[in-house]
């Protein structure tokens, strides 16, 4: 993928065109290697992190005294 697309980057003379071509190569390569996500989650799970933060705070207070 990168070898095929690098010519597109070097063909352009304008800096913005080079940047756009490089960005396209990076995004396509990352998508091939890592895949795509389905988008943002429908349900936020902040409640879980709130419980973890509360437990950590209680633990900190307990061990501080």
PDB file of N, CA and C in Angstrom:
ATOM      1  N   UNK A   1       0.820  -1.198   0.000  1.00  0.00           N
ATOM      2  CA  UNK A   1       0.000   0.000   0.000  1.00  0.00           C
ATOM      3  C   UNK A   1       0.859   1.255   0.000  1.00  0.00           C
ATOM      4  N   UNK A   2       1.815   1.321   0.890  1.00  0.00           N
ATOM      5  CA  UNK A   2       2.636   2.527   0.990  1.00  0.00           C
ATOM      6  C   UNK A   2       3.505   2.678  -0.250  1.00  0.00           C
ATOM      7  N   UNK A   3       4.080   1.574  -0.711  1.00  0.00           N
ATOM      8  CA  UNK A   3       4.942   1.640  -1.888  1.00  0.00           C
ATOM      9  C   UNK A   3       4.162   2.121  -3.107  1.00  0.00           C
ATOM     10  N   UNK A   4       2.914   1.681  -3.240  1.00  0.00           N
ATOM     11  CA  UNK A   4       2.091   2.078  -4.381  1.00  0.00           C
ATOM     12  C   UNK A   4       1.710   3.553  -4.302  1.00  0.00           C
ATOM     13  N   UNK A   5       1.491   4.056  -3.109  1.00  0.00           N
ATOM     14  CA  UNK A   5       0.983   5.413  -2.934  1.00  0.00           C
ATOM     15  C   UNK A   5       2.064   6.461  -2.789  1.00  0.00           C
ATOM     16  N   UNK A   6       3.299   6.055  -2.552  1.00  0.00           N
ATOM     17  CA  UNK A   6       4.340   7.060  -2.324  1.00  0.00           C
ATOM     18  C   UNK A   6       4.604   7.893  -3.570  1.00  0.00           C
ATOM     19  N   UNK A   7       4.392   7.330  -4.757  1.00  0.00           N
ATOM     20  CA  UNK A   7       4.580   8.110  -5.977  1.00  0.00           C
ATOM     21  C   UNK A   7       3.602   9.269  -6.045  1.00  0.00           C
ATOM     22  N   UNK A   8       2.402   9.054  -5.533  1.00  0.00           N
ATOM     23  CA  UNK A   8       1.402  10.117  -5.517  1.00  0.00           C
ATOM     24  C   UNK A   8       1.884  11.292  -4.663  1.00  0.00           C
ATOM     25  N   UNK A   9       2.575  11.000  -3.591  1.00  0.00           N
ATOM     26  CA  UNK A   9       3.093  12.046  -2.706  1.00  0.00           C
ATOM     27  C   UNK A   9       4.200  12.837  -3.413  1.00  0.00           C
ATOM     28  N   UNK A  10       5.076  12.137  -4.096  1.00  0.00           N
ATOM     29  CA  UNK A  10       6.224  12.803  -4.712  1.00  0.00           C
ATOM     30  C   UNK A  10       5.892  13.472  -6.040  1.00  0.00           C
ATOM     31  N   UNK A  11       4.740  13.171  -6.627  1.00  0.00           N
ATOM     32  CA  UNK A  11       4.366  13.789  -7.892  1.00  0.00           C
ATOM     33  C   UNK A  11       3.962  15.248  -7.730  1.00  0.00           C
ATOM     34  N   UNK A  12       3.452  15.614  -6.581  1.00  0.00           N
ATOM     35  CA  UNK A  12       2.946  16.977  -6.384  1.00  0.00           C
ATOM     36  C   UNK A  12       4.070  17.912  -5.937  1.00  0.00           C
ATOM     37  N   UNK A  13       3.921  19.184  -6.297  1.00  0.00           N
ATOM     38  CA  UNK A  13       4.925  20.189  -5.927  1.00  0.00           C
ATOM     39  C   UNK A  13       4.449  21.076  -4.782  1.00  0.00           C
ATOM     40  N   UNK A  14       3.164  21.194  -4.620  1.00  0.00           N
ATOM     41  CA  UNK A  14       2.595  22.075  -3.615  1.00  0.00           C
ATOM     42  C   UNK A  14       2.620  21.385  -2.250  1.00  0.00           C
ATOM     43  N   UNK A  15       2.979  22.109  -1.221  1.00  0.00           N
ATOM     44  CA  UNK A  15       3.114  21.540   0.122  1.00  0.00           C
ATOM     45  C   UNK A  15       1.791  20.969   0.620  1.00  0.00           C
ATOM     46  N   UNK A  16       0.706  21.703   0.431  1.00  0.00           N
ATOM     47  CA  UNK A  16      -0.599  21.234   0.911  1.00  0.00           C
ATOM     48  C   UNK A  16      -1.019  19.961   0.178  1.00  0.00           C
ATOM     49  N   UNK A  17      -0.719  19.851  -1.104  1.00  0.00           N
ATOM     50  CA  UNK A  17      -1.042  18.642  -1.867  1.00  0.00           C
ATOM     51  C   UNK A  17      -0.238  17.450  -1.361  1.00  0.00           C
ATOM     52  N   UNK A  18       1.041  17.684  -1.046  1.00  0.00           N
ATOM     53  CA  UNK A  18       1.866  16.606  -0.485  1.00  0.00           C
ATOM     54  C   UNK A  18       1.299  16.147   0.860  1.00  0.00           C
ATOM     55  N   UNK A  19       0.931  17.131   1.677  1.00  0.00           N
ATOM     56  CA  UNK A  19       0.387  16.801   2.986  1.00  0.00           C
ATOM     57  C   UNK A  19      -0.903  15.990   2.852  1.00  0.00           C
ATOM     58  N   UNK A  20      -1.786  16.407   1.975  1.00  0.00           N
ATOM     59  CA  UNK A  20      -3.042  15.689   1.766  1.00  0.00           C
ATOM     60  C   UNK A  20      -2.792  14.270   1.264  1.00  0.00           C
ATOM     61  N   UNK A  21      -1.847  14.112   0.349  1.00  0.00           N
ATOM     62  CA  UNK A  21      -1.523  12.778  -0.176  1.00  0.00           C
ATOM     63  C   UNK A  21      -0.936  11.896   0.925  1.00  0.00           C
ATOM     64  N   UNK A  22      -0.042  12.454   1.745  1.00  0.00           N
ATOM     65  CA  UNK A  22       0.556  11.679   2.837  1.00  0.00           C
ATOM     66  C   UNK A  22      -0.507  11.279   3.854  1.00  0.00           C
ATOM     67  N   UNK A  23      -1.402  12.203   4.173  1.00  0.00           N
ATOM     68  CA  UNK A  23      -2.475  11.916   5.121  1.00  0.00           C
ATOM     69  C   UNK A  23      -3.349  10.780   4.617  1.00  0.00           C
ATOM     70  N   UNK A  24      -3.659  10.813   3.331  1.00  0.00           N
ATOM     71  CA  UNK A  24      -4.484   9.756   2.735  1.00  0.00           C
ATOM     72  C   UNK A  24      -3.782   8.397   2.829  1.00  0.00           C
ATOM     73  N   UNK A  25      -2.482   8.374   2.562  1.00  0.00           N
ATOM     74  CA  UNK A  25      -1.715   7.128   2.651  1.00  0.00           C
ATOM     75  C   UNK A  25      -1.721   6.608   4.080  1.00  0.00           C
ATOM     76  N   UNK A  26      -1.480   7.478   5.040  1.00  0.00           N
ATOM     77  CA  UNK A  26      -1.453   7.063   6.447  1.00  0.00           C
ATOM     78  C   UNK A  26      -2.796   6.518   6.890  1.00  0.00           C
ATOM     79  N   UNK A  27      -3.874   7.213   6.510  1.00  0.00           N
ATOM     80  CA  UNK A  27      -5.208   6.774   6.929  1.00  0.00           C
ATOM     81  C   UNK A  27      -5.582   5.439   6.311  1.00  0.00           C
ATOM     82  N   UNK A  28      -5.308   5.267   5.032  1.00  0.00           N
ATOM     83  CA  UNK A  28      -5.642   4.000   4.373  1.00  0.00           C
ATOM     84  C   UNK A  28      -4.809   2.852   4.934  1.00  0.00           C
ATOM     85  N   UNK A  29      -3.536   3.113   5.187  1.00  0.00           N
ATOM     86  CA  UNK A  29      -2.672   2.071   5.745  1.00  0.00           C
ATOM     87  C   UNK A  29      -3.117   1.697   7.154  1.00  0.00           C
ATOM     88  N   UNK A  30      -3.428   2.689   7.971  1.00  0.00           N
ATOM     89  CA  UNK A  30      -3.901   2.414   9.332  1.00  0.00           C
ATOM     90  C   UNK A  30      -5.210   1.638   9.299  1.00  0.00           C
ATOM     91  N   UNK A  31      -6.092   1.963   8.362  1.00  0.00           N
ATOM     92  CA  UNK A  31      -7.359   1.236   8.251  1.00  0.00           C
ATOM     93  C   UNK A  31      -7.119  -0.217   7.841  1.00  0.00           C
ATOM     94  N   UNK A  32      -6.180  -0.453   6.939  1.00  0.00           N
ATOM     95  CA  UNK A  32      -5.869  -1.823   6.516  1.00  0.00           C
ATOM     96  C   UNK A  32      -5.276  -2.631   7.665  1.00  0.00           C
ATOM     97  N   UNK A  33      -4.405  -2.008   8.432  1.00  0.00           N
ATOM     98  CA  UNK A  33      -3.715  -2.729   9.508  1.00  0.00           C
ATOM     99  C   UNK A  33      -4.631  -2.925  10.716  1.00  0.00           C
ATOM    100  N   UNK A  34      -5.342  -1.874  11.126  1.00  0.00           N
ATOM    101  CA  UNK A  34      -6.102  -1.909  12.375  1.00  0.00           C
ATOM    102  C   UNK A  34      -7.606  -2.054  12.200  1.00  0.00           C
ATOM    103  N   UNK A  35      -8.121  -1.792  11.008  1.00  0.00           N
ATOM    104  CA  UNK A  35      -9.559  -1.845  10.798  1.00  0.00           C
ATOM    105  C   UNK A  35     -10.220  -0.543  11.218  1.00  0.00           C
ATOM    106  N   UNK A  36     -11.550  -0.560  11.207  1.00  0.00           N
ATOM    107  CA  UNK A  36     -12.321   0.627  11.578  1.00  0.00           C
ATOM    108  C   UNK A  36     -13.174   0.320  12.794  1.00  0.00           C
ATOM    109  N   UNK A  37     -13.479   1.355  13.557  1.00  0.00           N
ATOM    110  CA  UNK A  37     -14.388   1.190  14.679  1.00  0.00           C
ATOM    111  C   UNK A  37     -15.814   1.365  14.182  1.00  0.00           C
ATOM    112  N   UNK A  38     -16.746   0.972  14.993  1.00  0.00           N
ATOM    113  CA  UNK A  38     -18.148   1.088  14.625  1.00  0.00           C
ATOM    114  C   UNK A  38     -18.708   2.464  14.943  1.00  0.00           C
ATOM    115  N   UNK A  39     -17.951   3.299  15.599  1.00  0.00           N
ATOM    116  CA  UNK A  39     -18.426   4.619  15.982  1.00  0.00           C
ATOM    117  C   UNK A  39     -18.490   4.726  17.492  1.00  0.00           C
ATOM    118  N   UNK A  40     -19.026   5.843  17.970  1.00  0.00           N
ATOM    119  CA  UNK A  40     -19.083   6.029  19.427  1.00  0.00           C
ATOM    120  C   UNK A  40     -20.070   5.066  20.075  1.00  0.00           C
ATOM    121  N   UNK A  41     -19.816   4.668  21.306  1.00  0.00           N
ATOM    122  CA  UNK A  41     -20.742   3.759  21.990  1.00  0.00           C
ATOM    123  C   UNK A  41     -22.077   4.444  22.252  1.00  0.00           C
ATOM    124  N   UNK A  42     -23.133   3.646  22.241  1.00  0.00           N
ATOM    125  CA  UNK A  42     -24.461   4.208  22.480  1.00  0.00           C
ATOM    126  C   UNK A  42     -24.672   4.526  23.949  1.00  0.00           C
ATOM    127  N   UNK A  43     -24.091   3.731  24.825  1.00  0.00           N
ATOM    128  CA  UNK A  43     -24.284   3.926  26.258  1.00  0.00           C
ATOM    129  C   UNK A  43     -22.942   4.238  26.910  1.00  0.00           C
ATOM    130  N   UNK A  44     -22.894   5.342  27.572  1.00  0.00           N
ATOM    131  CA  UNK A  44     -21.669   5.733  28.257  1.00  0.00           C
ATOM    132  C   UNK A  44     -21.520   4.911  29.531  1.00  0.00           C
ATOM    133  N   UNK A  45     -20.327   4.499  29.823  1.00  0.00           N
ATOM    134  CA  UNK A  45     -20.091   3.691  31.013  1.00  0.00           C
ATOM    135  C   UNK A  45     -19.333   4.478  32.065  1.00  0.00           C
ATOM    136  N   UNK A  46     -19.680   5.738  32.210  1.00  0.00           N
ATOM    137  CA  UNK A  46     -18.990   6.559  33.193  1.00  0.00           C
ATOM    138  C   UNK A  46     -19.329   6.141  34.612  1.00  0.00           C
ATOM    139  N   UNK A  47     -20.485   5.500  34.806  1.00  0.00           N
ATOM    140  CA  UNK A  47     -20.848   5.064  36.151  1.00  0.00           C
ATOM    141  C   UNK A  47     -19.780   4.134  36.704  1.00  0.00           C
ATOM    142  N   UNK A  48     -19.216   3.291  35.877  1.00  0.00           N
ATOM    143  CA  UNK A  48     -18.208   2.332  36.318  1.00  0.00           C
ATOM    144  C   UNK A  48     -16.961   3.070  36.783  1.00  0.00           C
ATOM    145  N   UNK A  49     -16.547   4.067  36.000  1.00  0.00           N
ATOM    146  CA  UNK A  49     -15.364   4.833  36.377  1.00  0.00           C
ATOM    147  C   UNK A  49     -15.623   5.655  37.630  1.00  0.00           C
ATOM    148  N   UNK A  50     -16.853   6.112  37.829  1.00  0.00           N
ATOM    149  CA  UNK A  50     -17.189   6.840  39.047  1.00  0.00           C
ATOM    150  C   UNK A  50     -17.036   5.947  40.268  1.00  0.00           C
ATOM    151  N   UNK A  51     -17.457   4.683  40.138  1.00  0.00           N
ATOM    152  CA  UNK A  51     -17.302   3.731  41.246  1.00  0.00           C
ATOM    153  C   UNK A  51     -15.827   3.456  41.529  1.00  0.00           C
ATOM    154  N   UNK A  52     -15.034   3.325  40.491  1.00  0.00           N
ATOM    155  CA  UNK A  52     -13.594   3.097  40.663  1.00  0.00           C
ATOM    156  C   UNK A  52     -12.953   4.297  41.355  1.00  0.00           C
ATOM    157  N   UNK A  53     -13.309   5.496  40.922  1.00  0.00           N
ATOM    158  CA  UNK A  53     -12.754   6.707  41.537  1.00  0.00           C
ATOM    159  C   UNK A  53     -13.147   6.794  43.005  1.00  0.00           C
ATOM    160  N   UNK A  54     -14.388   6.446  43.326  1.00  0.00           N
ATOM    161  CA  UNK A  54     -14.849   6.485  44.711  1.00  0.00           C
ATOM    162  C   UNK A  54     -14.071   5.472  45.558  1.00  0.00           C
ATOM    163  N   UNK A  55     -13.889   4.263  45.029  1.00  0.00           N
ATOM    164  CA  UNK A  55     -13.143   3.237  45.764  1.00  0.00           C
ATOM    165  C   UNK A  55     -11.698   3.665  45.987  1.00  0.00           C
ATOM    166  N   UNK A  56     -11.100   4.276  44.983  1.00  0.00           N
ATOM    167  CA  UNK A  56      -9.718   4.750  45.133  1.00  0.00           C
ATOM    168  C   UNK A  56      -9.618   5.842  46.178  1.00  0.00           C
ATOM    169  N   UNK A  57     -10.580   6.741  46.190  1.00  0.00           N
ATOM    170  CA  UNK A  57     -10.579   7.828  47.178  1.00  0.00           C
ATOM    171  C   UNK A  57     -10.737   7.266  48.595  1.00  0.00           C
ATOM    172  N   UNK A  58     -11.644   6.309  48.757  1.00  0.00           N
ATOM    173  CA  UNK A  58     -11.836   5.684  50.076  1.00  0.00           C
ATOM    174  C   UNK A  58     -10.559   4.972  50.521  1.00  0.00           C
ATOM    175  N   UNK A  59      -9.925   4.293  49.607  1.00  0.00           N
ATOM    176  CA  UNK A  59      -8.685   3.579  49.911  1.00  0.00           C
ATOM    177  C   UNK A  59      -7.586   4.569  50.306  1.00  0.00           C
ATOM    178  N   UNK A  60      -7.511   5.680  49.578  1.00  0.00           N
ATOM    179  CA  UNK A  60      -6.502   6.703  49.876  1.00  0.00           C
ATOM    180  C   UNK A  60      -6.711   7.298  51.264  1.00  0.00           C
ATOM    181  N   UNK A  61      -7.973   7.583  51.592  1.00  0.00           N
ATOM    182  CA  UNK A  61      -8.290   8.150  52.911  1.00  0.00           C
ATOM    183  C   UNK A  61      -7.977   7.132  54.005  1.00  0.00           C
ATOM    184  N   UNK A  62      -8.320   5.865  53.783  1.00  0.00           N
ATOM    185  CA  UNK A  62      -8.108   4.823  54.785  1.00  0.00           C
ATOM    186  C   UNK A  62      -6.624   4.646  55.072  1.00  0.00           C
ATOM    187  N   UNK A  63      -5.793   4.593  54.035  1.00  0.00           N
ATOM    188  CA  UNK A  63      -4.381   4.354  54.235  1.00  0.00           C
ATOM    189  C   UNK A  63      -3.604   5.604  54.632  1.00  0.00           C
ATOM    190  N   UNK A  64      -4.213   6.768  54.441  1.00  0.00           N
ATOM    191  CA  UNK A  64      -3.541   8.013  54.806  1.00  0.00           C
ATOM    192  C   UNK A  64      -3.545   8.201  56.321  1.00  0.00           C
ATOM    193  N   UNK A  65      -4.577   7.681  57.007  1.00  0.00           N
ATOM    194  CA  UNK A  65      -4.672   7.871  58.458  1.00  0.00           C
ATOM    195  C   UNK A  65      -3.943   6.813  59.237  1.00  0.00           C
TER     196      UNK A  65
END
